[in-house]
Amino acid sequence: MDWIRLTKSRKDLIGLKDNCWICIRGFVYNVSPYMEYHPGREDELMRAAGSHGSELFDQVHRWVNYESMLKECLVGRMAVKPALWNSFKSFDL
């Protein structure tokens, strides 16, 4: 409930100055403000920091509605240059 209360507080949770961003299914989230609320805490979230976290996320809790939980932390969509697309085909974008 504390996390829900914080998301409703109108506090800037995108926090472009913070540096723990993860990408899940093509959407980039700043999870820095969520770290203290995540059951696995910082260590677990840092496993996906700065990368595609879709596969790791699905291994642990595919059933979680992350779009709703992290909507206030949404930075934007991941942009991939067409020439690099083949490098990312293995990820669930």
C-alpha atoms as a PDB file:
ATOM      1  CA  MET A   1       0.000   0.000   0.000  1.00  0.00           C
ATOM      2  CA  ASP A   2       2.927   2.360   0.596  1.00  0.00           C
ATOM      3  CA  TRP A   3       3.936   2.064  -3.058  1.00  0.00           C
ATOM      4  CA  ILE A   4       0.385   2.851  -4.214  1.00  0.00           C
ATOM      5  CA  ARG A   5       0.266   5.854  -1.901  1.00  0.00           C
ATOM      6  CA  LEU A   6       3.579   7.130  -3.325  1.00  0.00           C
ATOM      7  CA  THR A   7       2.378   6.737  -6.931  1.00  0.00           C
ATOM      8  CA  LYS A   8      -0.703   8.812  -6.114  1.00  0.00           C
ATOM      9  CA  SER A   9       1.359  11.564  -4.432  1.00  0.00           C
ATOM     10  CA  ARG A  10       2.206  13.355  -7.699  1.00  0.00           C
ATOM     11  CA  LYS A  11       5.893  13.079  -6.819  1.00  0.00           C
ATOM     12  CA  ASP A  12       8.137  12.930  -9.904  1.00  0.00           C
ATOM     13  CA  LEU A  13       8.817   9.202 -10.091  1.00  0.00           C
ATOM     14  CA  ILE A  14      10.328   9.304 -13.572  1.00  0.00           C
ATOM     15  CA  GLY A  15      13.334  11.021 -12.022  1.00  0.00           C
ATOM     16  CA  LEU A  16      15.505  11.526 -15.047  1.00  0.00           C
ATOM     17  CA  LYS A  17      18.450  12.198 -12.729  1.00  0.00           C
ATOM     18  CA  ASP A  18      18.174   8.763 -11.126  1.00  0.00           C
ATOM     19  CA  ASN A  19      20.028   5.978 -12.810  1.00  0.00           C
ATOM     20  CA  CYS A  20      18.282   2.636 -12.426  1.00  0.00           C
ATOM     21  CA  TRP A  21      16.317   2.210 -15.615  1.00  0.00           C
ATOM     22  CA  ILE A  22      15.075  -1.090 -16.971  1.00  0.00           C
ATOM     23  CA  CYS A  23      13.280  -2.034 -20.161  1.00  0.00           C
ATOM     24  CA  ILE A  24      10.299  -4.394 -20.081  1.00  0.00           C
ATOM     25  CA  ARG A  25       8.669  -5.249 -23.406  1.00  0.00           C
ATOM     26  CA  GLY A  26      10.009  -2.129 -25.082  1.00  0.00           C
ATOM     27  CA  PHE A  27       9.035   0.307 -22.327  1.00  0.00           C
ATOM     28  CA  VAL A  28      11.717   1.975 -20.221  1.00  0.00           C
ATOM     29  CA  TYR A  29      11.032   2.539 -16.525  1.00  0.00           C
ATOM     30  CA  ASN A  30      13.027   4.319 -13.847  1.00  0.00           C
ATOM     31  CA  VAL A  31      12.722   1.821 -10.996  1.00  0.00           C
ATOM     32  CA  SER A  32      14.884   3.791  -8.539  1.00  0.00           C
ATOM     33  CA  PRO A  33      11.909   4.961  -6.426  1.00  0.00           C
ATOM     34  CA  TYR A  34      10.447   1.444  -6.437  1.00  0.00           C
ATOM     35  CA  MET A  35      13.555  -0.303  -5.081  1.00  0.00           C
ATOM     36  CA  GLU A  36      12.604  -0.103  -1.416  1.00  0.00           C
ATOM     37  CA  TYR A  37       9.131  -1.514  -2.190  1.00  0.00           C
ATOM     38  CA  HIS A  38      10.243  -4.432  -4.376  1.00  0.00           C
ATOM     39  CA  PRO A  39      10.252  -7.744  -2.460  1.00  0.00           C
ATOM     40  CA  GLY A  40      13.722  -8.581  -3.841  1.00  0.00           C
ATOM     41  CA  ARG A  41      14.948  -5.076  -3.051  1.00  0.00           C
ATOM     42  CA  GLU A  42      17.771  -3.344  -4.867  1.00  0.00           C
ATOM     43  CA  ASP A  43      19.870  -6.443  -5.560  1.00  0.00           C
ATOM     44  CA  GLU A  44      17.163  -8.078  -7.622  1.00  0.00           C
ATOM     45  CA  LEU A  45      16.239  -4.975  -9.616  1.00  0.00           C
ATOM     46  CA  MET A  46      19.878  -4.223 -10.347  1.00  0.00           C
ATOM     47  CA  ARG A  47      20.093  -7.512 -12.251  1.00  0.00           C
ATOM     48  CA  ALA A  48      18.084  -5.831 -15.035  1.00  0.00           C
ATOM     49  CA  ALA A  49      19.449  -2.295 -14.657  1.00  0.00           C
ATOM     50  CA  GLY A  50      20.319  -0.666 -17.959  1.00  0.00           C
ATOM     51  CA  SER A  51      19.112  -3.601 -20.007  1.00  0.00           C
ATOM     52  CA  HIS A  52      16.136  -5.541 -21.297  1.00  0.00           C
ATOM     53  CA  GLY A  53      14.541  -7.030 -18.229  1.00  0.00           C
ATOM     54  CA  SER A  54      11.623  -8.813 -19.922  1.00  0.00           C
ATOM     55  CA  GLU A  55      13.080 -12.308 -19.734  1.00  0.00           C
ATOM     56  CA  LEU A  56      14.180 -11.953 -16.111  1.00  0.00           C
ATOM     57  CA  PHE A  57      10.830 -10.401 -15.180  1.00  0.00           C
ATOM     58  CA  ASP A  58       8.937 -13.285 -16.800  1.00  0.00           C
ATOM     59  CA  GLN A  59      11.051 -15.895 -15.027  1.00  0.00           C
ATOM     60  CA  VAL A  60      10.091 -14.520 -11.633  1.00  0.00           C
ATOM     61  CA  HIS A  61       6.652 -12.937 -11.851  1.00  0.00           C
ATOM     62  CA  ARG A  62       5.053 -12.912 -15.287  1.00  0.00           C
ATOM     63  CA  TRP A  63       1.612 -12.506 -13.624  1.00  0.00           C
ATOM     64  CA  VAL A  64       2.386  -9.050 -12.133  1.00  0.00           C
ATOM     65  CA  ASN A  65       0.697  -6.072 -13.816  1.00  0.00           C
ATOM     66  CA  TYR A  66       3.874  -3.988 -14.096  1.00  0.00           C
ATOM     67  CA  GLU A  67       2.270  -1.481 -16.492  1.00  0.00           C
ATOM     68  CA  SER A  68      -0.132  -0.392 -13.795  1.00  0.00           C
ATOM     69  CA  MET A  69       2.383  -0.577 -10.946  1.00  0.00           C
ATOM     70  CA  LEU A  70       5.100   1.379 -12.751  1.00  0.00           C
ATOM     71  CA  LYS A  71       3.036   3.758 -14.905  1.00  0.00           C
ATOM     72  CA  GLU A  72       4.256   6.778 -12.918  1.00  0.00           C
ATOM     73  CA  CYS A  73       7.864   5.650 -13.527  1.00  0.00           C
ATOM     74  CA  LEU A  74       7.535   5.338 -17.311  1.00  0.00           C
ATOM     75  CA  VAL A  75      10.374   7.147 -19.068  1.00  0.00           C
ATOM     76  CA  GLY A  76       9.310   6.177 -22.604  1.00  0.00           C
ATOM     77  CA  ARG A  77       9.612   3.585 -25.353  1.00  0.00           C
ATOM     78  CA  MET A  78      12.874   1.946 -26.257  1.00  0.00           C
ATOM     79  CA  ALA A  79      14.205   3.156 -29.589  1.00  0.00           C
ATOM     80  CA  VAL A  80      16.137   0.630 -31.622  1.00  0.00           C
ATOM     81  CA  LYS A  81      17.907   1.555 -34.845  1.00  0.00           C
ATOM     82  CA  PRO A  82      16.879  -0.748 -37.734  1.00  0.00           C
ATOM     83  CA  ALA A  83      20.493  -1.845 -38.256  1.00  0.00           C
ATOM     84  CA  LEU A  84      20.634  -3.064 -34.650  1.00  0.00           C
ATOM     85  CA  TRP A  85      17.281  -4.834 -34.708  1.00  0.00           C
ATOM     86  CA  ASN A  86      18.791  -8.275 -35.382  1.00  0.00           C
ATOM     87  CA  SER A  87      20.821  -7.962 -32.170  1.00  0.00           C
ATOM     88  CA  PHE A  88      17.630  -7.557 -30.148  1.00  0.00           C
ATOM     89  CA  LYS A  89      15.409 -10.194 -31.771  1.00  0.00           C
ATOM     90  CA  SER A  90      15.970 -12.570 -28.874  1.00  0.00           C
ATOM     91  CA  PHE A  91      14.379 -10.104 -26.453  1.00  0.00           C
ATOM     92  CA  ASP A  92      10.622  -9.808 -26.004  1.00  0.00           C
ATOM     93  CA  LEU A  93      10.033  -6.247 -27.190  1.00  0.00           C
END
